[in-house]
Amino acid sequence: MPRQRTPTYLYFVLIISLAFLGSQLLMSLLMKTSDILDEIDIFHSLTTGGQSDQPLDSGARDKHQFDDANKHCSPGSFQLNNDGICHPMLTCKDIQDNVNAIQHIGGGAVKQVYLARWKKYQVILSNLSHPSFTDDFLYGAEMLQQFQPNPFVTRLLGFCLSIPAIVTEYHSFGSLENINSILKEKDEDNVVTRFKLCLDYVKIINFLHSSPTGTHVMCDSNDLTKTLSQFLVTSDLHLVINDLDALPVVDSSKGSSIKCGHREIVGDFVAPEQLWPYSGVEFNDAQMPGYDEKTDIWKIPAVVDYLLGEDVHGDVVRFNLFKLHQKCSIKDPTLRPTAAEVLKGYLDVQQTLKL
């Protein structure tokens, strides 16, 4: 019996049906993305009063608040808690006689850190851990002094080279390691606040790479936890860099390079150029090649991924940062973007998503 041919119109019906189902699936995906963006927009309205924000430039974060907090104080003085009282920088005598350690809160090879009291204020007192690290300790004090005043750097209140000791402003939230519990405590665990922290982090990297004292590389950053510990969270949920004793200067335009210590660095968090490149050969610091500030660029995607958290809204930000982060993760450091280029990309995302 001859095989019957399927009527042509049935093929058209099938094609139209498949096209309809495909369009429905596409519309569903678009609506899901739109819903997420709408929720981000709601967060934006709640946090800004519905007003449109213009992206901040690399040095404008909290500039007005920072200026207001310091405009009444002359160079070489400071105020705490925005109380309007200007104090001269603490001297060796001030530190020895009036800064009293209350509680040991941390430390490492270079320094021991204490919560302390000076007059009515809580402050941070840092003492040298061991004489063999005196140069590192004094370098950190010098960097703090040179970077003052700056909204990206913890405030220096005084130092004494003969003790030696450094006194800095106290931030009750502590380091960036605690960010998840901090945001829950402040009821600020949303994509807007988390992206603000990411932007602060990138701005600080850009500041270090373009500071008046040269291009500084963050060497205390061999893993995520150590990197987060270098930053403090302020009461208004911004970041300041706190640990400055391992910020060597590099000038790649002159072919100079640095190495972060004299021991072998391992792990998948650090940049590829920081790893011992000679397989099967025992590590030898004299043969280890140097590197530059592009090691900091490599680490940006991992730090930001952590800061964005697990909320679904963070995935929208990740999607918008994907191509930029791909460039940050190029194995050849010369092909990675500069910190300024990364910052521009973040500001573009801030504007696109109205964060």
Protein backbone atom coordinates (compact mmCIF):
# COMPACT_ATOMS: atom_id res chain seq x y z
CA MET A 1 0.00 0.00 0.00
CA PRO A 2 1.50 3.37 -0.93
CA ARG A 3 2.82 5.49 2.01
CA GLN A 4 0.66 8.57 2.62
CA ARG A 5 2.43 11.90 2.51
CA THR A 6 2.05 14.22 5.47
CA PRO A 7 0.08 17.28 4.40
CA THR A 8 2.32 20.31 3.95
CA TYR A 9 0.20 22.47 6.26
CA LEU A 10 1.04 20.15 9.19
CA TYR A 11 4.74 20.98 8.75
CA PHE A 12 3.88 24.66 8.99
CA VAL A 13 1.83 24.03 12.13
CA LEU A 14 4.74 22.12 13.69
CA ILE A 15 7.26 24.87 12.82
CA ILE A 16 4.99 27.61 14.17
CA SER A 17 4.41 25.61 17.38
CA LEU A 18 8.13 25.14 17.96
CA ALA A 19 8.78 28.81 17.28
CA PHE A 20 6.05 29.74 19.75
CA LEU A 21 7.47 27.46 22.45
CA GLY A 22 10.95 28.89 21.84
CA SER A 23 9.70 32.46 22.11
CA GLN A 24 7.86 31.59 25.33
CA LEU A 25 11.05 30.15 26.83
CA LEU A 26 13.04 33.23 25.77
CA MET A 27 10.37 35.53 27.22
CA SER A 28 10.46 33.56 30.47
CA LEU A 29 14.24 34.00 30.74
CA LEU A 30 14.01 37.69 29.90
CA MET A 31 11.24 38.22 32.46
CA LYS A 32 13.32 36.42 35.13
CA THR A 33 16.29 38.69 34.41
CA SER A 34 13.98 41.70 34.38
CA ASP A 35 12.52 40.71 37.76
CA ILE A 36 16.02 40.49 39.26
CA LEU A 37 16.97 43.87 37.80
CA ASP A 38 13.70 45.35 39.12
CA GLU A 39 14.53 44.07 42.61
CA ILE A 40 17.97 45.64 42.32
CA ASP A 41 16.25 48.87 41.31
CA ILE A 42 14.03 48.61 44.39
CA PHE A 43 17.14 48.21 46.57
CA HIS A 44 18.56 51.27 44.83
CA SER A 45 15.43 53.32 45.52
CA LEU A 46 15.35 52.27 49.16
CA THR A 47 18.99 53.18 49.71
CA THR A 48 19.05 56.45 47.73
CA GLY A 49 15.55 57.80 48.27
CA GLY A 50 14.72 57.18 44.61
CA GLN A 51 17.26 59.68 43.38
CA SER A 52 19.61 58.84 40.52
CA ASP A 53 23.23 58.38 41.51
CA GLN A 54 26.11 59.44 39.32
CA PRO A 55 29.08 57.07 39.51
CA LEU A 56 31.83 58.21 41.81
CA ASP A 57 35.26 58.83 40.41
CA SER A 58 38.29 57.01 41.78
CA GLY A 59 38.98 59.53 44.50
CA ALA A 60 35.54 60.82 45.35
CA ARG A 61 34.36 58.16 47.80
CA ASP A 62 33.10 59.88 50.93
CA LYS A 63 35.11 62.95 49.95
CA HIS A 64 32.59 65.40 51.37
CA GLN A 65 32.21 63.45 54.63
CA PHE A 66 35.96 63.09 54.84
CA ASP A 67 36.50 66.80 54.25
CA ASP A 68 33.80 67.69 56.82
CA ALA A 69 35.46 65.45 59.39
CA ASN A 70 38.86 67.08 58.94
CA LYS A 71 38.24 70.64 57.71
CA HIS A 72 38.56 72.10 61.22
CA CYS A 73 41.87 70.35 61.88
CA SER A 74 45.22 71.59 60.64
CA PRO A 75 47.85 69.24 59.15
CA GLY A 76 49.46 67.14 61.88
CA SER A 77 46.25 66.90 63.89
CA PHE A 78 43.14 64.74 63.87
CA GLN A 79 39.66 64.34 65.29
CA LEU A 80 37.83 61.19 66.34
CA ASN A 81 34.16 60.26 66.20
CA ASN A 82 33.47 63.50 64.29
CA ASP A 83 33.23 65.29 67.63
CA GLY A 84 34.78 68.52 66.31
CA ILE A 85 37.77 68.37 68.67
CA CYS A 86 41.17 68.57 66.99
CA HIS A 87 44.05 66.75 68.68
CA PRO A 88 47.74 67.07 67.80
CA MET A 89 49.43 63.91 66.54
CA LEU A 90 50.41 61.75 69.50
CA THR A 91 54.08 61.87 70.50
CA CYS A 92 56.25 59.22 72.14
CA LYS A 93 55.46 60.72 75.55
CA ASP A 94 51.71 60.73 74.81
CA ILE A 95 51.83 57.09 73.78
CA GLN A 96 53.96 55.97 76.72
CA ASP A 97 51.99 57.91 79.35
CA ASN A 98 48.41 57.95 78.07
CA VAL A 99 47.75 55.08 75.66
CA ASN A 100 46.79 52.01 77.68
CA ALA A 101 46.34 48.57 76.14
CA ILE A 102 43.05 46.91 77.08
CA GLN A 103 42.96 43.68 75.07
CA HIS A 104 45.18 41.85 72.61
CA ILE A 105 43.14 41.43 69.42
CA GLY A 106 45.59 40.06 66.88
CA GLY A 107 49.05 40.11 65.44
CA GLY A 108 51.65 38.39 63.32
CA ALA A 109 55.35 38.28 62.63
CA VAL A 110 55.72 42.07 62.35
CA LYS A 111 53.40 43.51 65.00
CA GLN A 112 51.05 42.77 67.86
CA VAL A 113 47.74 44.64 67.87
CA TYR A 114 45.82 45.82 70.95
CA LEU A 115 42.55 47.53 71.61
CA ALA A 116 43.63 50.47 73.75
CA ARG A 117 42.27 53.59 75.39
CA TRP A 118 43.48 57.14 74.99
CA LYS A 119 41.53 59.68 77.06
CA LYS A 120 37.85 58.87 76.37
CA TYR A 121 38.55 57.20 73.05
CA GLN A 122 39.11 53.61 72.02
CA VAL A 123 42.11 53.35 69.69
CA ILE A 124 44.37 50.70 68.20
CA LEU A 125 47.91 50.28 69.53
CA SER A 126 50.39 48.30 67.42
CA ASN A 127 53.71 47.20 68.91
CA LEU A 128 56.69 45.57 67.24
CA SER A 129 56.58 41.75 67.56
CA HIS A 130 60.31 41.11 67.24
CA PRO A 131 63.38 43.29 66.61
CA SER A 132 64.20 41.32 63.43
CA PHE A 133 61.11 42.88 61.81
CA THR A 134 61.90 46.47 62.81
CA ASP A 135 62.39 47.59 59.20
CA ASP A 136 58.99 46.21 58.15
CA PHE A 137 57.29 47.83 61.14
CA LEU A 138 58.87 51.21 60.47
CA TYR A 139 58.02 50.93 56.76
CA GLY A 140 54.36 50.46 57.70
CA ALA A 141 54.53 53.54 59.94
CA GLU A 142 56.14 55.54 57.15
CA MET A 143 53.43 54.50 54.65
CA LEU A 144 50.68 55.44 57.09
CA GLN A 145 52.27 58.85 57.58
CA GLN A 146 52.77 59.49 53.86
CA PHE A 147 49.22 58.48 52.97
CA GLN A 148 47.58 60.81 55.52
CA PRO A 149 44.93 62.12 55.29
CA ASN A 150 43.16 59.79 52.91
CA PRO A 151 39.65 58.28 52.87
CA PHE A 152 41.07 54.96 51.65
CA VAL A 153 43.59 54.56 54.52
CA THR A 154 43.02 54.05 58.23
CA ARG A 155 43.66 57.23 60.21
CA LEU A 156 47.05 57.58 61.88
CA LEU A 157 46.86 59.14 65.35
CA GLY A 158 50.52 58.98 66.29
CA PHE A 159 53.68 56.87 66.27
CA CYS A 160 56.92 56.51 68.16
CA LEU A 161 60.06 55.16 66.53
CA SER A 162 61.93 54.60 69.81
CA ILE A 163 59.35 52.24 71.37
CA PRO A 164 58.37 51.49 68.51
CA ALA A 165 54.58 51.85 68.42
CA ILE A 166 51.80 53.03 66.11
CA VAL A 167 48.38 54.35 67.20
CA THR A 168 45.51 54.31 64.70
CA GLU A 169 41.77 54.83 64.66
CA TYR A 170 39.58 52.04 66.04
CA HIS A 171 36.91 50.50 63.78
CA SER A 172 34.58 48.36 65.85
CA PHE A 173 33.50 46.10 62.96
CA GLY A 174 37.04 44.87 62.51
CA SER A 175 38.40 43.39 59.31
CA LEU A 176 36.71 42.50 56.04
CA GLU A 177 36.92 38.83 57.05
CA ASN A 178 33.83 39.49 59.18
CA ILE A 179 31.74 41.04 56.39
CA ASN A 180 28.96 38.43 56.28
CA SER A 181 28.17 38.73 59.98
CA ILE A 182 28.55 42.52 59.84
CA LEU A 183 25.99 42.88 57.05
CA LYS A 184 23.51 40.63 58.85
CA GLU A 185 23.99 42.60 62.08
CA LYS A 186 23.39 45.89 60.26
CA ASP A 187 20.49 44.46 58.21
CA GLU A 188 22.38 45.57 55.10
CA ASP A 189 22.91 42.22 53.39
CA ASN A 190 21.88 43.28 49.90
CA VAL A 191 23.51 43.62 46.50
CA VAL A 192 23.76 47.41 46.71
CA THR A 193 25.86 47.36 49.88
CA ARG A 194 27.93 44.42 48.71
CA PHE A 195 28.74 46.07 45.40
CA LYS A 196 29.68 49.26 47.25
CA LEU A 197 32.27 47.23 49.17
CA CYS A 198 33.55 45.69 45.92
CA LEU A 199 33.89 49.15 44.45
CA ASP A 200 35.78 50.36 47.53
CA TYR A 201 38.16 47.43 47.21
CA VAL A 202 38.90 48.21 43.55
CA LYS A 203 39.30 51.92 44.35
CA ILE A 204 41.86 51.11 47.03
CA ILE A 205 43.82 48.92 44.61
CA ASN A 206 43.73 51.75 42.09
CA PHE A 207 44.94 54.19 44.75
CA LEU A 208 47.85 51.93 45.67
CA HIS A 209 48.83 51.54 42.02
CA SER A 210 48.72 55.28 41.36
CA SER A 211 49.70 56.80 44.71
CA PRO A 212 51.99 59.84 45.02
CA THR A 213 54.69 57.57 46.48
CA GLY A 214 54.70 55.18 43.51
CA THR A 215 53.04 51.95 42.40
CA HIS A 216 52.59 49.75 45.46
CA VAL A 217 51.95 45.99 45.32
CA MET A 218 49.88 44.26 48.01
CA CYS A 219 52.22 41.48 49.15
CA ASP A 220 50.20 40.34 52.19
CA SER A 221 47.67 38.67 49.89
CA ASN A 222 48.72 35.06 49.32
CA ASP A 223 45.23 33.74 50.10
CA LEU A 224 41.71 35.11 50.37
CA THR A 225 41.61 35.28 54.17
CA LYS A 226 44.94 37.12 54.38
CA THR A 227 43.81 39.57 51.71
CA LEU A 228 40.53 40.33 53.49
CA SER A 229 42.40 40.90 56.76
CA GLN A 230 44.25 43.87 55.21
CA PHE A 231 41.04 45.93 55.15
CA LEU A 232 38.86 47.36 57.91
CA VAL A 233 35.11 47.99 57.68
CA THR A 234 34.05 51.47 58.82
CA SER A 235 30.87 52.28 60.72
CA ASP A 236 29.20 53.45 57.49
CA LEU A 237 30.17 50.21 55.71
CA HIS A 238 33.07 51.43 53.63
CA LEU A 239 36.58 50.00 53.45
CA VAL A 240 39.96 51.39 54.48
CA ILE A 241 43.29 49.64 54.06
CA ASN A 242 44.95 49.05 57.38
CA ASP A 243 48.08 46.94 57.00
CA LEU A 244 50.78 48.80 55.06
CA ASP A 245 54.02 47.09 56.08
CA ALA A 246 54.19 44.91 52.94
CA LEU A 247 53.61 47.35 50.08
CA PRO A 248 56.78 47.37 47.99
CA VAL A 249 57.10 49.87 45.14
CA VAL A 250 57.54 48.71 41.56
CA ASP A 251 58.17 50.63 38.34
CA SER A 252 57.42 48.29 35.44
CA SER A 253 58.06 51.10 32.93
CA LYS A 254 61.73 50.90 33.97
CA GLY A 255 61.75 47.13 34.00
CA SER A 256 61.86 46.84 37.78
CA SER A 257 60.04 44.10 39.63
CA ILE A 258 59.44 42.85 43.15
CA LYS A 259 59.06 39.57 45.02
CA CYS A 260 56.74 39.09 47.98
CA GLY A 261 59.16 37.56 50.45
CA HIS A 262 61.90 35.01 49.96
CA ARG A 263 59.91 31.80 50.37
CA GLU A 264 58.06 29.77 47.78
CA ILE A 265 54.45 30.87 47.27
CA VAL A 266 51.86 28.20 46.48
CA GLY A 267 48.12 27.98 45.90
CA ASP A 268 45.60 28.87 43.21
CA PHE A 269 44.69 32.27 44.71
CA VAL A 270 47.97 33.96 43.79
CA ALA A 271 48.88 35.05 40.27
CA PRO A 272 50.64 32.48 38.04
CA GLU A 273 53.81 34.58 37.91
CA GLN A 274 54.12 34.32 41.71
CA LEU A 275 54.50 30.52 41.49
CA TRP A 276 57.83 28.73 41.10
CA PRO A 277 58.04 28.22 37.32
CA TYR A 278 60.58 25.38 37.11
CA SER A 279 58.87 22.03 37.54
CA GLY A 280 61.03 19.33 39.09
CA VAL A 281 63.59 21.84 40.34
CA GLU A 282 63.86 22.72 44.03
CA PHE A 283 62.83 26.30 44.85
CA ASN A 284 65.66 28.81 44.91
CA ASP A 285 64.81 32.42 45.70
CA ALA A 286 67.80 33.69 43.71
CA GLN A 287 66.36 32.09 40.57
CA MET A 288 62.76 33.11 41.18
CA PRO A 289 61.66 35.76 38.62
CA GLY A 290 60.16 39.01 39.88
CA TYR A 291 56.72 40.40 39.09
CA ASP A 292 54.74 43.63 39.39
CA GLU A 293 51.39 45.16 40.39
CA LYS A 294 49.44 42.99 37.93
CA THR A 295 49.43 40.29 40.64
CA ASP A 296 46.83 42.43 42.43
CA ILE A 297 44.68 42.53 39.28
CA TRP A 298 44.66 38.71 39.07
CA LYS A 299 43.17 38.50 42.58
CA ILE A 300 40.30 40.96 42.03
CA PRO A 301 37.76 38.43 40.63
CA ALA A 302 38.20 36.03 43.57
CA VAL A 303 37.89 38.77 46.20
CA VAL A 304 34.86 40.34 44.51
CA ASP A 305 33.19 36.94 44.07
CA TYR A 306 33.43 36.44 47.83
CA LEU A 307 32.19 39.94 48.63
CA LEU A 308 29.12 39.60 46.39
CA GLY A 309 27.93 36.70 48.52
CA GLU A 310 25.42 34.00 47.61
CA ASP A 311 22.33 36.11 46.91
CA VAL A 312 20.86 35.69 43.41
CA HIS A 313 21.16 39.43 42.78
CA GLY A 314 24.93 39.09 42.98
CA ASP A 315 24.76 36.83 39.92
CA VAL A 316 23.49 39.74 37.83
CA VAL A 317 26.53 41.76 38.89
CA ARG A 318 28.82 38.80 38.17
CA PHE A 319 27.30 38.50 34.69
CA ASN A 320 28.00 42.17 33.97
CA LEU A 321 31.57 41.85 35.27
CA PHE A 322 32.29 38.57 33.49
CA LYS A 323 34.25 39.88 30.50
CA LEU A 324 36.26 42.29 32.64
CA HIS A 325 37.12 39.52 35.10
CA GLN A 326 38.16 37.29 32.21
CA LYS A 327 40.73 39.93 31.28
CA CYS A 328 41.91 40.11 34.90
CA SER A 329 42.51 36.35 34.76
CA ILE A 330 44.72 36.32 31.66
CA LYS A 331 47.83 34.29 32.41
CA ASP A 332 50.15 36.84 30.76
CA PRO A 333 50.27 39.76 33.24
CA THR A 334 51.10 42.29 30.51
CA LEU A 335 47.70 41.61 28.91
CA ARG A 336 45.69 42.20 32.08
CA PRO A 337 43.97 45.58 32.50
CA THR A 338 45.37 48.25 34.78
CA ALA A 339 43.64 49.06 38.06
CA ALA A 340 42.31 52.27 36.49
CA GLU A 341 40.77 50.26 33.63
CA VAL A 342 39.22 47.81 36.09
CA LEU A 343 37.79 50.70 38.10
CA LYS A 344 36.27 52.24 34.98
CA GLY A 345 34.61 48.91 34.22
CA TYR A 346 33.15 48.76 37.72
CA LEU A 347 31.84 52.30 37.47
CA ASP A 348 30.20 51.41 34.16
CA VAL A 349 28.46 48.45 35.82
CA GLN A 350 27.42 50.69 38.70
CA GLN A 351 25.78 53.05 36.25
CA THR A 352 24.18 50.29 34.16
CA LEU A 353 22.61 48.54 37.17
CA LYS A 354 21.92 51.78 39.08
CA LEU A 355 23.79 50.46 42.12
